[in-house]
Structures are given as structure tokens and as C-alpha cells.
Amino acid sequence: MNADKRESFLTVAEVAGAMRVSTATVYRLVKVREIPAVRFGRSYRISEREVGDYIARASLETDGQPEHSDDT
């Protein structure tokens, strides 16, 4: 496999930082198979492409949803 086609993988902490969520949230998303991950020993790696795909799907799911209002 040449370097141009090599897929980039991120750690759970890197994904959490990029998405601005906790690592527990990323582990939950992996557990319920919302984001596919590869396990290497005791740690997970998540492809950058899968993170982008998840964000795109999540964005589509929230389109058209009313924004939360604090009005009471």
C-alpha cells in the first residue's frame, strides 16, 4: 500500500477532542457501533474517514429539528 492510499487513524482521545465531547462519549459511540473502530491490544483506533462520516450522518439527523429554547 502506498502512502497516498494509507488510511489515517485517530485515538479515542483525538476523536473526543476533535468532536469536543468526552472520551466516554466516544467509547459509547464505538460500543453501540455508531462509529466503527479497530481494536489494537487494549486500545481503539478510529479512521478519520469514519469520524467524518459519523459527523455528516449526525448533521443530517439534526437538520430540520427545532433548536432548543430556554424560554419557559
C-alpha atoms as a PDB file:
ATOM      1  CA  MET A   1       0.000   0.000   0.000  1.00  0.00           C
ATOM      2  CA  ASN A   2       1.490   3.341  -0.940  1.00  0.00           C
ATOM      3  CA  ALA A   3       1.489   6.344   1.381  1.00  0.00           C
ATOM      4  CA  ASP A   4      -1.176   8.215  -0.613  1.00  0.00           C
ATOM      5  CA  LYS A   5      -3.776   5.492  -0.047  1.00  0.00           C
ATOM      6  CA  ARG A   6      -2.920   4.727   3.571  1.00  0.00           C
ATOM      7  CA  GLU A   7      -5.831   5.410   5.874  1.00  0.00           C
ATOM      8  CA  SER A   8      -5.238   7.657   8.891  1.00  0.00           C
ATOM      9  CA  PHE A   9      -6.411   6.508  12.294  1.00  0.00           C
ATOM     10  CA  LEU A  10      -7.081   8.528  15.431  1.00  0.00           C
ATOM     11  CA  THR A  11      -7.082   7.620  19.093  1.00  0.00           C
ATOM     12  CA  VAL A  12     -10.253   7.883  21.161  1.00  0.00           C
ATOM     13  CA  ALA A  13      -8.813  10.980  22.850  1.00  0.00           C
ATOM     14  CA  GLU A  14      -8.092  12.609  19.476  1.00  0.00           C
ATOM     15  CA  VAL A  15     -11.631  11.895  18.256  1.00  0.00           C
ATOM     16  CA  ALA A  16     -13.072  13.264  21.501  1.00  0.00           C
ATOM     17  CA  GLY A  17     -11.003  16.427  21.142  1.00  0.00           C
ATOM     18  CA  ALA A  18     -11.993  16.927  17.526  1.00  0.00           C
ATOM     19  CA  MET A  19     -15.686  16.434  18.320  1.00  0.00           C
ATOM     20  CA  ARG A  20     -15.474  18.350  21.621  1.00  0.00           C
ATOM     21  CA  VAL A  21     -17.022  15.505  23.602  1.00  0.00           C
ATOM     22  CA  SER A  22     -15.704  13.294  26.385  1.00  0.00           C
ATOM     23  CA  THR A  23     -13.780  10.105  25.756  1.00  0.00           C
ATOM     24  CA  ALA A  24     -16.676   8.276  27.447  1.00  0.00           C
ATOM     25  CA  THR A  25     -18.976   9.546  24.692  1.00  0.00           C
ATOM     26  CA  VAL A  26     -16.630   8.236  22.003  1.00  0.00           C
ATOM     27  CA  TYR A  27     -16.372   4.849  23.752  1.00  0.00           C
ATOM     28  CA  ARG A  28     -20.190   4.725  23.899  1.00  0.00           C
ATOM     29  CA  LEU A  29     -20.449   5.513  20.179  1.00  0.00           C
ATOM     30  CA  VAL A  30     -17.971   2.717  19.456  1.00  0.00           C
ATOM     31  CA  LYS A  31     -19.829   0.301  21.746  1.00  0.00           C
ATOM     32  CA  VAL A  32     -23.198   0.898  20.053  1.00  0.00           C
ATOM     33  CA  ARG A  33     -21.447   0.780  16.645  1.00  0.00           C
ATOM     34  CA  GLU A  34     -22.278   4.335  15.649  1.00  0.00           C
ATOM     35  CA  ILE A  35     -18.584   4.789  14.853  1.00  0.00           C
ATOM     36  CA  PRO A  36     -16.646   1.729  13.644  1.00  0.00           C
ATOM     37  CA  ALA A  37     -13.317   1.202  15.383  1.00  0.00           C
ATOM     38  CA  VAL A  38     -10.391  -1.187  15.197  1.00  0.00           C
ATOM     39  CA  ARG A  39      -9.012  -2.606  18.402  1.00  0.00           C
ATOM     40  CA  PHE A  40      -5.246  -2.816  18.832  1.00  0.00           C
ATOM     41  CA  GLY A  41      -4.498  -4.621  22.074  1.00  0.00           C
ATOM     42  CA  ARG A  42      -6.282  -2.653  24.785  1.00  0.00           C
ATOM     43  CA  SER A  43      -6.858   0.497  22.738  1.00  0.00           C
ATOM     44  CA  TYR A  44      -9.095   1.520  19.860  1.00  0.00           C
ATOM     45  CA  ARG A  45      -8.271   3.385  16.682  1.00  0.00           C
ATOM     46  CA  ILE A  46     -10.898   5.114  14.577  1.00  0.00           C
ATOM     47  CA  SER A  47     -10.378   6.095  10.956  1.00  0.00           C
ATOM     48  CA  GLU A  48     -10.588   9.785  10.128  1.00  0.00           C
ATOM     49  CA  ARG A  49     -12.980   8.896   7.310  1.00  0.00           C
ATOM     50  CA  GLU A  50     -15.374   7.155   9.743  1.00  0.00           C
ATOM     51  CA  VAL A  51     -15.340  10.190  12.046  1.00  0.00           C
ATOM     52  CA  GLY A  52     -16.212  12.439   9.102  1.00  0.00           C
ATOM     53  CA  ASP A  53     -18.969  10.048   8.009  1.00  0.00           C
ATOM     54  CA  TYR A  54     -20.431   9.985  11.533  1.00  0.00           C
ATOM     55  CA  ILE A  55     -20.439  13.784  11.756  1.00  0.00           C
ATOM     56  CA  ALA A  56     -22.141  14.012   8.356  1.00  0.00           C
ATOM     57  CA  ARG A  57     -24.821  11.495   9.421  1.00  0.00           C
ATOM     58  CA  ALA A  58     -25.365  13.275  12.733  1.00  0.00           C
ATOM     59  CA  SER A  59     -25.685  16.599  10.916  1.00  0.00           C
ATOM     60  CA  LEU A  60     -28.308  15.162   8.567  1.00  0.00           C
ATOM     61  CA  GLU A  61     -30.284  13.777  11.521  1.00  0.00           C
ATOM     62  CA  THR A  62     -30.446  17.205  13.165  1.00  0.00           C
ATOM     63  CA  ASP A  63     -31.388  19.161  10.019  1.00  0.00           C
ATOM     64  CA  GLY A  64     -34.916  20.450  10.342  1.00  0.00           C
ATOM     65  CA  GLN A  65     -35.035  19.866  14.087  1.00  0.00           C
ATOM     66  CA  PRO A  66     -36.079  22.908  16.106  1.00  0.00           C
ATOM     67  CA  GLU A  67     -33.339  24.402  18.206  1.00  0.00           C
ATOM     68  CA  HIS A  68     -33.622  24.005  21.963  1.00  0.00           C
ATOM     69  CA  SER A  69     -35.109  27.042  23.637  1.00  0.00           C
ATOM     70  CA  ASP A  70     -34.671  28.012  27.264  1.00  0.00           C
ATOM     71  CA  ASP A  71     -37.919  30.012  27.208  1.00  0.00           C
ATOM     72  CA  THR A  72     -40.266  28.925  29.980  1.00  0.00           C
END
